[in-house]
Amino acid sequence: MPLDHIAKRAETYKLKERVVYKMIKEYIEAKYGFKVHTAYISEVRRSLGLPMYDAPNAVEELKHPTAEKAEAIKDALRHFENIS
């Protein structure tokens, strides 16, 4: 089997880049022109049923994003292919 054929097959099996909150925040700021808090991103992810990890610095009262910010976060998650 030629080496370039193996390299091409390896490319197709490449794992997706892990999307971190920083990437989501940068995307939203560039596209929409406003900043979002990481707690807003967590709340939207939680409402969509996406996997979440327990944060060691979690607070009792959760922050709820405005409808505009929630839609921007959902758009960013679609952009990074976390949701369809």
N, C-alpha and C. Protein backbone atom coordinates (compact mmCIF):
# COMPACT_ATOMS: atom_id res chain seq x y z
N MET A 1 0.85 -1.18 0.00
CA MET A 1 0.00 0.00 0.00
C MET A 1 0.90 1.25 0.00
N PRO A 2 0.69 2.19 -0.94
CA PRO A 2 1.53 3.39 -1.00
C PRO A 2 1.39 4.25 0.27
N LEU A 3 2.47 4.94 0.59
CA LEU A 3 2.51 5.75 1.81
C LEU A 3 1.51 6.90 1.78
N ASP A 4 1.33 7.56 0.62
CA ASP A 4 0.38 8.68 0.59
C ASP A 4 -1.06 8.19 0.76
N HIS A 5 -1.34 6.98 0.33
CA HIS A 5 -2.69 6.42 0.53
C HIS A 5 -2.95 6.22 2.02
N ILE A 6 -1.95 5.75 2.73
CA ILE A 6 -2.08 5.56 4.18
C ILE A 6 -2.27 6.91 4.87
N ALA A 7 -1.52 7.91 4.43
CA ALA A 7 -1.63 9.25 5.02
C ALA A 7 -3.01 9.84 4.79
N LYS A 8 -3.58 9.64 3.59
CA LYS A 8 -4.92 10.14 3.29
C LYS A 8 -5.96 9.46 4.17
N ARG A 9 -5.82 8.15 4.34
CA ARG A 9 -6.77 7.42 5.20
C ARG A 9 -6.66 7.88 6.65
N ALA A 10 -5.45 8.15 7.09
CA ALA A 10 -5.24 8.62 8.46
C ALA A 10 -5.90 9.98 8.67
N GLU A 11 -5.88 10.84 7.65
CA GLU A 11 -6.52 12.16 7.73
C GLU A 11 -8.02 12.03 7.97
N THR A 12 -8.65 11.05 7.32
CA THR A 12 -10.10 10.90 7.46
C THR A 12 -10.49 10.43 8.86
N TYR A 13 -9.58 9.76 9.54
CA TYR A 13 -9.87 9.27 10.89
C TYR A 13 -9.41 10.22 11.98
N LYS A 14 -8.97 11.40 11.60
CA LYS A 14 -8.48 12.37 12.56
C LYS A 14 -9.61 12.81 13.49
N LEU A 15 -9.33 12.88 14.77
CA LEU A 15 -10.32 13.31 15.74
C LEU A 15 -10.62 14.79 15.59
N LYS A 16 -11.86 15.16 15.93
CA LYS A 16 -12.21 16.58 15.89
C LYS A 16 -11.49 17.31 17.00
N GLU A 17 -11.21 18.58 16.74
CA GLU A 17 -10.58 19.41 17.76
C GLU A 17 -11.58 19.62 18.89
N ARG A 18 -11.11 19.55 20.11
CA ARG A 18 -11.98 19.74 21.26
C ARG A 18 -12.35 21.21 21.37
N VAL A 19 -13.63 21.48 21.40
CA VAL A 19 -14.10 22.86 21.47
C VAL A 19 -14.11 23.29 22.93
N VAL A 20 -13.38 24.34 23.21
CA VAL A 20 -13.33 24.87 24.57
C VAL A 20 -14.11 26.17 24.65
N TYR A 21 -14.48 26.55 25.86
CA TYR A 21 -15.29 27.74 26.05
C TYR A 21 -14.62 28.98 25.46
N LYS A 22 -13.30 29.04 25.52
CA LYS A 22 -12.57 30.20 24.98
C LYS A 22 -12.85 30.35 23.49
N MET A 23 -12.89 29.24 22.76
CA MET A 23 -13.17 29.29 21.32
C MET A 23 -14.59 29.79 21.07
N ILE A 24 -15.53 29.34 21.89
CA ILE A 24 -16.93 29.77 21.75
C ILE A 24 -17.03 31.26 22.02
N LYS A 25 -16.38 31.72 23.09
CA LYS A 25 -16.42 33.14 23.44
C LYS A 25 -15.82 34.01 22.34
N GLU A 26 -14.69 33.59 21.77
CA GLU A 26 -14.04 34.34 20.69
C GLU A 26 -14.92 34.39 19.45
N TYR A 27 -15.56 33.27 19.11
CA TYR A 27 -16.44 33.22 17.94
C TYR A 27 -17.60 34.19 18.11
N ILE A 28 -18.23 34.18 19.28
CA ILE A 28 -19.38 35.06 19.53
C ILE A 28 -18.96 36.52 19.50
N GLU A 29 -17.83 36.84 20.11
CA GLU A 29 -17.38 38.23 20.10
C GLU A 29 -17.06 38.70 18.69
N ALA A 30 -16.45 37.85 17.87
CA ALA A 30 -16.12 38.23 16.50
C ALA A 30 -17.37 38.37 15.64
N LYS A 31 -18.34 37.47 15.79
CA LYS A 31 -19.52 37.48 14.93
C LYS A 31 -20.60 38.45 15.40
N TYR A 32 -20.84 38.49 16.72
CA TYR A 32 -21.95 39.28 17.25
C TYR A 32 -21.52 40.58 17.92
N GLY A 33 -20.25 40.69 18.30
CA GLY A 33 -19.76 41.92 18.89
C GLY A 33 -20.04 42.08 20.38
N PHE A 34 -20.42 41.01 21.06
CA PHE A 34 -20.57 41.10 22.52
C PHE A 34 -19.93 39.88 23.16
N LYS A 35 -19.66 40.01 24.46
CA LYS A 35 -19.02 38.93 25.20
C LYS A 35 -20.06 38.15 25.97
N VAL A 36 -19.79 36.87 26.18
CA VAL A 36 -20.67 36.03 27.00
C VAL A 36 -19.85 35.41 28.12
N HIS A 37 -20.49 35.22 29.24
CA HIS A 37 -19.85 34.62 30.40
C HIS A 37 -19.84 33.10 30.23
N THR A 38 -18.83 32.46 30.77
CA THR A 38 -18.75 31.00 30.66
C THR A 38 -19.94 30.32 31.35
N ALA A 39 -20.48 30.97 32.37
CA ALA A 39 -21.66 30.41 33.05
C ALA A 39 -22.85 30.35 32.10
N TYR A 40 -22.95 31.33 31.18
CA TYR A 40 -24.03 31.32 30.19
C TYR A 40 -23.86 30.14 29.24
N ILE A 41 -22.62 29.90 28.83
CA ILE A 41 -22.35 28.78 27.93
C ILE A 41 -22.71 27.47 28.62
N SER A 42 -22.33 27.35 29.87
CA SER A 42 -22.66 26.14 30.64
C SER A 42 -24.16 25.94 30.74
N GLU A 43 -24.89 27.01 31.01
CA GLU A 43 -26.34 26.91 31.16
C GLU A 43 -27.00 26.47 29.86
N VAL A 44 -26.55 27.01 28.73
CA VAL A 44 -27.12 26.62 27.43
C VAL A 44 -26.77 25.17 27.13
N ARG A 45 -25.53 24.77 27.38
CA ARG A 45 -25.13 23.37 27.16
C ARG A 45 -25.97 22.44 28.02
N ARG A 46 -26.18 22.83 29.27
CA ARG A 46 -26.99 22.01 30.19
C ARG A 46 -28.42 21.89 29.68
N SER A 47 -28.99 23.01 29.19
CA SER A 47 -30.37 23.00 28.70
C SER A 47 -30.52 22.14 27.45
N LEU A 48 -29.43 21.99 26.68
CA LEU A 48 -29.46 21.16 25.47
C LEU A 48 -29.14 19.70 25.77
N GLY A 49 -28.80 19.40 27.01
CA GLY A 49 -28.50 18.03 27.39
C GLY A 49 -27.12 17.56 26.99
N LEU A 50 -26.22 18.49 26.72
CA LEU A 50 -24.85 18.11 26.36
C LEU A 50 -24.09 17.68 27.61
N PRO A 51 -23.09 16.81 27.46
CA PRO A 51 -22.35 16.33 28.63
C PRO A 51 -21.65 17.48 29.35
N MET A 52 -21.75 17.44 30.67
CA MET A 52 -21.15 18.48 31.50
C MET A 52 -20.31 17.81 32.59
N TYR A 53 -19.32 18.52 33.06
CA TYR A 53 -18.50 18.05 34.16
C TYR A 53 -18.80 18.91 35.37
N ASP A 54 -18.67 18.34 36.55
CA ASP A 54 -18.88 19.10 37.77
C ASP A 54 -17.70 20.04 37.97
N ALA A 55 -18.01 21.31 38.13
CA ALA A 55 -16.96 22.30 38.33
C ALA A 55 -16.66 22.41 39.83
N PRO A 56 -15.39 22.48 40.18
CA PRO A 56 -15.05 22.59 41.60
C PRO A 56 -15.46 23.94 42.19
N ASN A 57 -15.66 24.94 41.33
CA ASN A 57 -16.02 26.27 41.80
C ASN A 57 -17.48 26.60 41.49
N ALA A 58 -18.33 25.59 41.42
CA ALA A 58 -19.74 25.78 41.07
C ALA A 58 -20.45 26.61 42.13
N VAL A 59 -21.40 27.41 41.68
CA VAL A 59 -22.19 28.24 42.59
C VAL A 59 -23.59 27.65 42.69
N GLU A 60 -24.29 28.03 43.75
CA GLU A 60 -25.65 27.52 43.97
C GLU A 60 -26.62 28.06 42.93
N GLU A 61 -26.57 29.37 42.71
CA GLU A 61 -27.51 30.02 41.80
C GLU A 61 -26.91 30.11 40.40
N LEU A 62 -27.59 29.55 39.42
CA LEU A 62 -27.09 29.55 38.05
C LEU A 62 -27.45 30.84 37.35
N LYS A 63 -26.55 31.30 36.47
CA LYS A 63 -26.82 32.49 35.68
C LYS A 63 -27.62 32.09 34.44
N HIS A 64 -28.61 32.89 34.11
CA HIS A 64 -29.44 32.61 32.94
C HIS A 64 -29.18 33.67 31.88
N PRO A 65 -28.76 33.25 30.69
CA PRO A 65 -28.47 34.22 29.62
C PRO A 65 -29.75 34.80 29.02
N THR A 66 -29.62 35.98 28.42
CA THR A 66 -30.75 36.56 27.70
C THR A 66 -31.01 35.71 26.46
N ALA A 67 -32.17 35.89 25.86
CA ALA A 67 -32.52 35.10 24.67
C ALA A 67 -31.51 35.34 23.55
N GLU A 68 -31.08 36.60 23.39
CA GLU A 68 -30.11 36.94 22.34
C GLU A 68 -28.79 36.20 22.55
N LYS A 69 -28.31 36.19 23.79
CA LYS A 69 -27.04 35.52 24.07
C LYS A 69 -27.17 34.01 23.96
N ALA A 70 -28.31 33.48 24.38
CA ALA A 70 -28.53 32.03 24.27
C ALA A 70 -28.52 31.60 22.81
N GLU A 71 -29.15 32.39 21.93
CA GLU A 71 -29.15 32.06 20.50
C GLU A 71 -27.75 32.16 19.91
N ALA A 72 -26.97 33.16 20.35
CA ALA A 72 -25.59 33.29 19.86
C ALA A 72 -24.76 32.09 20.29
N ILE A 73 -24.97 31.62 21.51
CA ILE A 73 -24.23 30.45 22.00
C ILE A 73 -24.63 29.21 21.21
N LYS A 74 -25.92 29.05 20.94
CA LYS A 74 -26.38 27.90 20.15
C LYS A 74 -25.78 27.96 18.74
N ASP A 75 -25.70 29.17 18.18
CA ASP A 75 -25.10 29.33 16.85
C ASP A 75 -23.63 28.92 16.89
N ALA A 76 -22.92 29.31 17.93
CA ALA A 76 -21.51 28.94 18.07
C ALA A 76 -21.36 27.43 18.21
N LEU A 77 -22.25 26.80 18.97
CA LEU A 77 -22.20 25.35 19.13
C LEU A 77 -22.48 24.64 17.80
N ARG A 78 -23.38 25.21 16.98
CA ARG A 78 -23.63 24.66 15.65
C ARG A 78 -22.40 24.84 14.77
N HIS A 79 -21.78 26.02 14.86
CA HIS A 79 -20.59 26.31 14.06
C HIS A 79 -19.47 25.30 14.35
N PHE A 80 -19.29 24.97 15.62
CA PHE A 80 -18.24 24.02 16.01
C PHE A 80 -18.74 22.58 15.99
N GLU A 81 -19.95 22.36 15.44
CA GLU A 81 -20.54 21.04 15.25
C GLU A 81 -20.73 20.26 16.55
N ASN A 82 -21.08 20.98 17.63
CA ASN A 82 -21.44 20.31 18.88
C ASN A 82 -22.91 19.93 18.86
N ILE A 83 -23.72 20.72 18.13
CA ILE A 83 -25.13 20.40 17.95
C ILE A 83 -25.45 20.55 16.47
N SER A 84 -26.56 19.98 16.05
CA SER A 84 -26.93 20.10 14.62
C SER A 84 -28.10 21.03 14.45
